[in-house]
All heavy atoms as atom14 arrays in JSON, in Angstrom:
{
  "sequence": "KGRFTISRDSAKNTVYLQMNNLEPEDAAVYYCY",
  "atom14_mask": [
    [1, 1, 1, 1, 1, 1, 1, 1, 1, 0, 0, 0, 0, 0],
    [1, 1, 1, 1, 0, 0, 0, 0, 0, 0, 0, 0, 0, 0],
    [1, 1, 1, 1, 1, 1, 1, 1, 1, 1, 1, 0, 0, 0],
    [1, 1, 1, 1, 1, 1, 1, 1, 1, 1, 1, 0, 0, 0],
    [1, 1, 1, 1, 1, 1, 1, 0, 0, 0, 0, 0, 0, 0],
    [1, 1, 1, 1, 1, 1, 1, 1, 0, 0, 0, 0, 0, 0],
    [1, 1, 1, 1, 1, 1, 0, 0, 0, 0, 0, 0, 0, 0],
    [1, 1, 1, 1, 1, 1, 1, 1, 1, 1, 1, 0, 0, 0],
    [1, 1, 1, 1, 1, 1, 1, 1, 0, 0, 0, 0, 0, 0],
    [1, 1, 1, 1, 1, 1, 0, 0, 0, 0, 0, 0, 0, 0],
    [1, 1, 1, 1, 1, 0, 0, 0, 0, 0, 0, 0, 0, 0],
    [1, 1, 1, 1, 1, 1, 1, 1, 1, 0, 0, 0, 0, 0],
    [1, 1, 1, 1, 1, 1, 1, 1, 0, 0, 0, 0, 0, 0],
    [1, 1, 1, 1, 1, 1, 1, 0, 0, 0, 0, 0, 0, 0],
    [1, 1, 1, 1, 1, 1, 1, 0, 0, 0, 0, 0, 0, 0],
    [1, 1, 1, 1, 1, 1, 1, 1, 1, 1, 1, 1, 0, 0],
    [1, 1, 1, 1, 1, 1, 1, 1, 0, 0, 0, 0, 0, 0],
    [1, 1, 1, 1, 1, 1, 1, 1, 1, 0, 0, 0, 0, 0],
    [1, 1, 1, 1, 1, 1, 1, 1, 0, 0, 0, 0, 0, 0],
    [1, 1, 1, 1, 1, 1, 1, 1, 0, 0, 0, 0, 0, 0],
    [1, 1, 1, 1, 1, 1, 1, 1, 0, 0, 0, 0, 0, 0],
    [1, 1, 1, 1, 1, 1, 1, 1, 0, 0, 0, 0, 0, 0],
    [1, 1, 1, 1, 1, 1, 1, 1, 1, 0, 0, 0, 0, 0],
    [1, 1, 1, 1, 1, 1, 1, 0, 0, 0, 0, 0, 0, 0],
    [1, 1, 1, 1, 1, 1, 1, 1, 1, 0, 0, 0, 0, 0],
    [1, 1, 1, 1, 1, 1, 1, 1, 0, 0, 0, 0, 0, 0],
    [1, 1, 1, 1, 1, 0, 0, 0, 0, 0, 0, 0, 0, 0],
    [1, 1, 1, 1, 1, 0, 0, 0, 0, 0, 0, 0, 0, 0],
    [1, 1, 1, 1, 1, 1, 1, 0, 0, 0, 0, 0, 0, 0],
    [1, 1, 1, 1, 1, 1, 1, 1, 1, 1, 1, 1, 0, 0],
    [1, 1, 1, 1, 1, 1, 1, 1, 1, 1, 1, 1, 0, 0],
    [1, 1, 1, 1, 1, 1, 0, 0, 0, 0, 0, 0, 0, 0],
    [1, 1, 1, 1, 1, 1, 1, 1, 1, 1, 1, 1, 0, 0]
  ],
  "atom14_positions": [
    [[18.8, -9.24, 16.21], [19.61, -10.41, 16.49], [19.93, -10.44, 18.05], [20.34, -9.51, 18.6], [20.92, -10.51, 15.71], [21.55, -11.79, 15.65], [22.76, -11.8, 14.65], [22.25, -11.5, 13.22], [23.42, -11.54, 12.26], [0.0, 0.0, 0.0], [0.0, 0.0, 0.0], [0.0, 0.0, 0.0], [0.0, 0.0, 0.0], [0.0, 0.0, 0.0]],
    [[19.65, -11.65, 18.62], [19.82, -11.81, 20.02], [18.64, -11.47, 20.87], [18.62, -11.83, 22.02], [0.0, 0.0, 0.0], [0.0, 0.0, 0.0], [0.0, 0.0, 0.0], [0.0, 0.0, 0.0], [0.0, 0.0, 0.0], [0.0, 0.0, 0.0], [0.0, 0.0, 0.0], [0.0, 0.0, 0.0], [0.0, 0.0, 0.0], [0.0, 0.0, 0.0]],
    [[17.64, -10.88, 20.27], [16.42, -10.5, 21.0], [15.2, -11.21, 20.48], [14.3, -11.58, 21.2], [16.16, -8.97, 20.94], [17.24, -8.13, 21.55], [16.84, -6.7, 21.59], [16.64, -6.1, 20.26], [15.52, -5.63, 19.79], [14.42, -5.61, 20.55], [15.48, -5.12, 18.57], [0.0, 0.0, 0.0], [0.0, 0.0, 0.0], [0.0, 0.0, 0.0]],
    [[15.18, -11.5, 19.14], [14.07, -12.18, 18.51], [14.49, -13.58, 18.12], [15.62, -13.81, 17.77], [13.59, -11.47, 17.25], [12.98, -10.11, 17.46], [12.97, -9.49, 18.74], [12.37, -9.45, 16.47], [12.39, -8.23, 18.91], [11.74, -8.22, 16.58], [11.81, -7.64, 17.85], [0.0, 0.0, 0.0], [0.0, 0.0, 0.0], [0.0, 0.0, 0.0]],
    [[13.52, -14.54, 18.16], [13.71, -15.89, 17.73], [12.58, -16.34, 16.83], [11.42, -16.21, 17.25], [13.85, -16.79, 18.93], [14.88, -16.39, 19.77], [14.14, -18.24, 18.43], [0.0, 0.0, 0.0], [0.0, 0.0, 0.0], [0.0, 0.0, 0.0], [0.0, 0.0, 0.0], [0.0, 0.0, 0.0], [0.0, 0.0, 0.0], [0.0, 0.0, 0.0]],
    [[12.91, -16.84, 15.62], [11.91, -17.38, 14.74], [11.87, -18.83, 14.87], [12.92, -19.48, 14.99], [12.14, -16.87, 13.31], [10.95, -17.23, 12.42], [13.45, -17.43, 12.76], [11.0, -16.55, 11.02], [0.0, 0.0, 0.0], [0.0, 0.0, 0.0], [0.0, 0.0, 0.0], [0.0, 0.0, 0.0], [0.0, 0.0, 0.0], [0.0, 0.0, 0.0]],
    [[10.69, -19.45, 14.81], [10.53, -20.87, 14.83], [9.39, -21.3, 13.99], [8.62, -20.39, 13.52], [10.42, -21.38, 16.31], [9.24, -20.81, 16.92], [0.0, 0.0, 0.0], [0.0, 0.0, 0.0], [0.0, 0.0, 0.0], [0.0, 0.0, 0.0], [0.0, 0.0, 0.0], [0.0, 0.0, 0.0], [0.0, 0.0, 0.0], [0.0, 0.0, 0.0]],
    [[9.19, -22.57, 13.85], [8.12, -23.01, 12.97], [7.5, -24.3, 13.48], [8.14, -25.08, 14.26], [8.64, -23.26, 11.56], [9.69, -24.37, 11.5], [10.22, -24.67, 10.11], [11.21, -25.71, 10.15], [11.74, -26.27, 9.05], [11.37, -25.85, 7.88], [12.67, -27.24, 9.17], [0.0, 0.0, 0.0], [0.0, 0.0, 0.0], [0.0, 0.0, 0.0]],
    [[6.28, -24.6, 13.07], [5.59, -25.84, 13.23], [5.23, -26.31, 11.83], [4.19, -25.88, 11.31], [4.43, -25.73, 14.15], [3.78, -27.09, 14.39], [3.97, -28.03, 13.61], [3.01, -27.15, 15.4], [0.0, 0.0, 0.0], [0.0, 0.0, 0.0], [0.0, 0.0, 0.0], [0.0, 0.0, 0.0], [0.0, 0.0, 0.0], [0.0, 0.0, 0.0]],
    [[6.1, -27.07, 11.2], [5.93, -27.44, 9.81], [4.61, -28.21, 9.6], [3.96, -28.06, 8.56], [7.08, -28.31, 9.36], [8.3, -27.58, 9.4], [0.0, 0.0, 0.0], [0.0, 0.0, 0.0], [0.0, 0.0, 0.0], [0.0, 0.0, 0.0], [0.0, 0.0, 0.0], [0.0, 0.0, 0.0], [0.0, 0.0, 0.0], [0.0, 0.0, 0.0]],
    [[4.23, -29.04, 10.56], [2.98, -29.81, 10.42], [1.76, -28.92, 10.32], [0.77, -29.3, 9.71], [2.81, -30.83, 11.54], [0.0, 0.0, 0.0], [0.0, 0.0, 0.0], [0.0, 0.0, 0.0], [0.0, 0.0, 0.0], [0.0, 0.0, 0.0], [0.0, 0.0, 0.0], [0.0, 0.0, 0.0], [0.0, 0.0, 0.0], [0.0, 0.0, 0.0]],
    [[1.8, -27.74, 10.94], [0.7, -26.8, 10.92], [0.93, -25.66, 9.97], [0.06, -24.73, 9.92], [0.45, -26.3, 12.32], [0.1, -27.33, 13.34], [-0.19, -26.72, 14.71], [-0.6, -27.81, 15.72], [-0.83, -27.23, 17.08], [0.0, 0.0, 0.0], [0.0, 0.0, 0.0], [0.0, 0.0, 0.0], [0.0, 0.0, 0.0], [0.0, 0.0, 0.0]],
    [[1.95, -25.64, 9.2], [2.3, -24.52, 8.35], [2.25, -23.18, 9.09], [1.7, -22.24, 8.59], [1.41, -24.5, 7.12], [1.65, -25.65, 6.16], [2.8, -26.07, 5.99], [0.59, -26.15, 5.61], [0.0, 0.0, 0.0], [0.0, 0.0, 0.0], [0.0, 0.0, 0.0], [0.0, 0.0, 0.0], [0.0, 0.0, 0.0], [0.0, 0.0, 0.0]],
    [[2.9, -23.17, 10.26], [2.82, -22.01, 11.12], [4.19, -21.58, 11.49], [5.07, -22.42, 11.78], [1.98, -22.34, 12.38], [0.67, -22.69, 12.04], [1.96, -21.17, 13.35], [0.0, 0.0, 0.0], [0.0, 0.0, 0.0], [0.0, 0.0, 0.0], [0.0, 0.0, 0.0], [0.0, 0.0, 0.0], [0.0, 0.0, 0.0], [0.0, 0.0, 0.0]],
    [[4.42, -20.27, 11.53], [5.68, -19.68, 11.95], [5.42, -18.76, 13.07], [4.38, -18.11, 13.2], [6.3, -18.96, 10.78], [5.55, -17.73, 10.26], [7.75, -18.53, 11.11], [0.0, 0.0, 0.0], [0.0, 0.0, 0.0], [0.0, 0.0, 0.0], [0.0, 0.0, 0.0], [0.0, 0.0, 0.0], [0.0, 0.0, 0.0], [0.0, 0.0, 0.0]],
    [[6.41, -18.68, 14.01], [6.28, -17.85, 15.18], [7.47, -16.89, 15.25], [8.56, -17.16, 14.7], [6.3, -18.72, 16.42], [5.23, -19.78, 16.47], [5.52, -21.08, 16.01], [3.97, -19.59, 16.92], [4.6, -22.09, 15.95], [3.0, -20.53, 16.93], [3.28, -21.79, 16.48], [2.39, -22.76, 16.46], [0.0, 0.0, 0.0], [0.0, 0.0, 0.0]],
    [[7.25, -15.79, 15.94], [8.28, -14.82, 16.2], [8.21, -14.47, 17.66], [7.3, -13.74, 18.06], [8.23, -13.56, 15.32], [9.35, -12.59, 15.45], [10.67, -13.2, 14.89], [9.01, -11.27, 14.73], [0.0, 0.0, 0.0], [0.0, 0.0, 0.0], [0.0, 0.0, 0.0], [0.0, 0.0, 0.0], [0.0, 0.0, 0.0], [0.0, 0.0, 0.0]],
    [[9.17, -14.96, 18.42], [9.28, -14.59, 19.87], [10.15, -13.27, 19.96], [11.29, -13.29, 19.54], [9.91, -15.72, 20.65], [10.05, -15.35, 22.16], [8.74, -15.28, 22.87], [7.86, -16.07, 22.71], [8.63, -14.16, 23.63], [0.0, 0.0, 0.0], [0.0, 0.0, 0.0], [0.0, 0.0, 0.0], [0.0, 0.0, 0.0], [0.0, 0.0, 0.0]],
    [[9.58, -12.24, 20.52], [10.23, -10.97, 20.6], [10.44, -10.61, 22.04], [9.45, -10.44, 22.77], [9.36, -9.91, 19.86], [9.03, -10.25, 18.41], [8.23, -8.85, 17.54], [6.68, -8.83, 18.45], [0.0, 0.0, 0.0], [0.0, 0.0, 0.0], [0.0, 0.0, 0.0], [0.0, 0.0, 0.0], [0.0, 0.0, 0.0], [0.0, 0.0, 0.0]],
    [[11.66, -10.55, 22.39], [12.04, -10.2, 23.79], [12.76, -8.88, 23.88], [13.33, -8.42, 22.86], [12.88, -11.33, 24.41], [12.19, -12.64, 24.5], [11.01, -12.69, 24.71], [12.94, -13.74, 24.39], [0.0, 0.0, 0.0], [0.0, 0.0, 0.0], [0.0, 0.0, 0.0], [0.0, 0.0, 0.0], [0.0, 0.0, 0.0], [0.0, 0.0, 0.0]],
    [[12.74, -8.28, 25.02], [13.46, -7.0, 25.27], [13.04, -5.98, 24.16], [13.98, -5.36, 23.53], [14.93, -7.2, 25.34], [15.68, -6.03, 25.91], [15.15, -5.27, 26.6], [16.98, -5.91, 25.51], [0.0, 0.0, 0.0], [0.0, 0.0, 0.0], [0.0, 0.0, 0.0], [0.0, 0.0, 0.0], [0.0, 0.0, 0.0], [0.0, 0.0, 0.0]],
    [[11.8, -5.81, 23.98], [11.35, -4.94, 22.9], [11.72, -3.47, 23.16], [11.74, -3.05, 24.3], [9.8, -5.04, 22.75], [9.38, -6.3, 22.02], [7.96, -6.62, 22.33], [9.54, -6.12, 20.48], [0.0, 0.0, 0.0], [0.0, 0.0, 0.0], [0.0, 0.0, 0.0], [0.0, 0.0, 0.0], [0.0, 0.0, 0.0], [0.0, 0.0, 0.0]],
    [[12.02, -2.78, 22.1], [12.39, -1.39, 22.11], [11.44, -0.58, 21.36], [10.71, -1.07, 20.47], [13.85, -1.26, 21.53], [14.87, -2.14, 22.18], [16.16, -2.13, 21.43], [16.23, -1.59, 20.31], [17.16, -2.67, 22.0], [0.0, 0.0, 0.0], [0.0, 0.0, 0.0], [0.0, 0.0, 0.0], [0.0, 0.0, 0.0], [0.0, 0.0, 0.0]],
    [[11.33, 0.73, 21.65], [10.45, 1.57, 20.86], [10.65, 1.52, 19.38], [9.72, 1.67, 18.59], [10.72, 3.0, 21.44], [11.15, 2.78, 22.81], [11.98, 1.45, 22.78], [0.0, 0.0, 0.0], [0.0, 0.0, 0.0], [0.0, 0.0, 0.0], [0.0, 0.0, 0.0], [0.0, 0.0, 0.0], [0.0, 0.0, 0.0], [0.0, 0.0, 0.0]],
    [[11.94, 1.28, 18.96], [12.26, 1.18, 17.55], [11.68, 0.01, 16.88], [11.66, -0.14, 15.68], [13.76, 1.23, 17.34], [14.46, 2.56, 17.7], [14.55, 2.82, 19.23], [14.44, 1.8, 20.0], [14.72, 3.95, 19.65], [0.0, 0.0, 0.0], [0.0, 0.0, 0.0], [0.0, 0.0, 0.0], [0.0, 0.0, 0.0], [0.0, 0.0, 0.0]],
    [[11.22, -1.02, 17.66], [10.58, -2.21, 17.18], [9.13, -2.03, 16.73], [8.49, -2.87, 16.11], [10.7, -3.35, 18.15], [12.09, -3.78, 18.45], [12.89, -3.89, 17.49], [12.35, -4.02, 19.63], [0.0, 0.0, 0.0], [0.0, 0.0, 0.0], [0.0, 0.0, 0.0], [0.0, 0.0, 0.0], [0.0, 0.0, 0.0], [0.0, 0.0, 0.0]],
    [[8.57, -0.93, 17.17], [7.13, -0.61, 16.88], [6.89, -0.53, 15.35], [7.57, 0.19, 14.68], [6.65, 0.65, 17.51], [0.0, 0.0, 0.0], [0.0, 0.0, 0.0], [0.0, 0.0, 0.0], [0.0, 0.0, 0.0], [0.0, 0.0, 0.0], [0.0, 0.0, 0.0], [0.0, 0.0, 0.0], [0.0, 0.0, 0.0], [0.0, 0.0, 0.0]],
    [[5.95, -1.28, 14.85], [5.72, -1.34, 13.47], [4.54, -2.28, 13.21], [4.05, -2.94, 14.15], [6.91, -1.88, 12.65], [0.0, 0.0, 0.0], [0.0, 0.0, 0.0], [0.0, 0.0, 0.0], [0.0, 0.0, 0.0], [0.0, 0.0, 0.0], [0.0, 0.0, 0.0], [0.0, 0.0, 0.0], [0.0, 0.0, 0.0], [0.0, 0.0, 0.0]],
    [[4.08, -2.3, 11.98], [3.16, -3.35, 11.56], [4.05, -4.53, 11.04], [4.93, -4.35, 10.26], [2.24, -2.92, 10.41], [1.38, -4.08, 9.92], [1.35, -1.74, 10.9], [0.0, 0.0, 0.0], [0.0, 0.0, 0.0], [0.0, 0.0, 0.0], [0.0, 0.0, 0.0], [0.0, 0.0, 0.0], [0.0, 0.0, 0.0], [0.0, 0.0, 0.0]],
    [[3.84, -5.69, 11.64], [4.58, -6.88, 11.26], [3.75, -7.74, 10.26], [2.66, -8.1, 10.53], [4.89, -7.69, 12.54], [6.02, -7.09, 13.33], [5.86, -5.87, 14.0], [7.28, -7.72, 13.35], [6.9, -5.28, 14.71], [8.32, -7.14, 14.11], [8.14, -5.89, 14.78], [9.13, -5.34, 15.49], [0.0, 0.0, 0.0], [0.0, 0.0, 0.0]],
    [[4.4, -8.11, 9.2], [3.78, -8.84, 8.15], [4.44, -10.2, 8.0], [5.64, -10.33, 7.87], [3.92, -8.13, 6.79], [3.16, -6.83, 6.71], [3.81, -5.64, 7.03], [1.83, -6.71, 6.32], [3.2, -4.37, 6.92], [1.2, -5.5, 6.23], [1.85, -4.35, 6.55], [1.18, -3.17, 6.43], [0.0, 0.0, 0.0], [0.0, 0.0, 0.0]],
    [[3.62, -11.22, 8.01], [4.04, -12.56, 7.77], [4.17, -12.76, 6.2], [3.34, -12.28, 5.47], [3.06, -13.58, 8.29], [3.46, -15.28, 8.0], [0.0, 0.0, 0.0], [0.0, 0.0, 0.0], [0.0, 0.0, 0.0], [0.0, 0.0, 0.0], [0.0, 0.0, 0.0], [0.0, 0.0, 0.0], [0.0, 0.0, 0.0], [0.0, 0.0, 0.0]],
    [[5.22, -13.47, 5.8], [5.26, -13.84, 4.43], [5.65, -15.37, 4.3], [6.21, -15.96, 5.22], [6.38, -13.03, 3.68], [7.74, -13.63, 3.67], [8.13, -14.45, 2.63], [8.61, -13.37, 4.73], [9.4, -15.02, 2.64], [9.84, -13.93, 4.74], [10.26, -14.77, 3.7], [11.49, -15.35, 3.7], [0.0, 0.0, 0.0], [0.0, 0.0, 0.0]]
  ]
}
């Protein structure tokens, strides 16, 4: 919270995740659902 922002483009059925100020603890495989 405060570092990541989720957004969408409904017309394209697309979701985005803007990730700022990344930390080593953020390292992972990210899965869209």
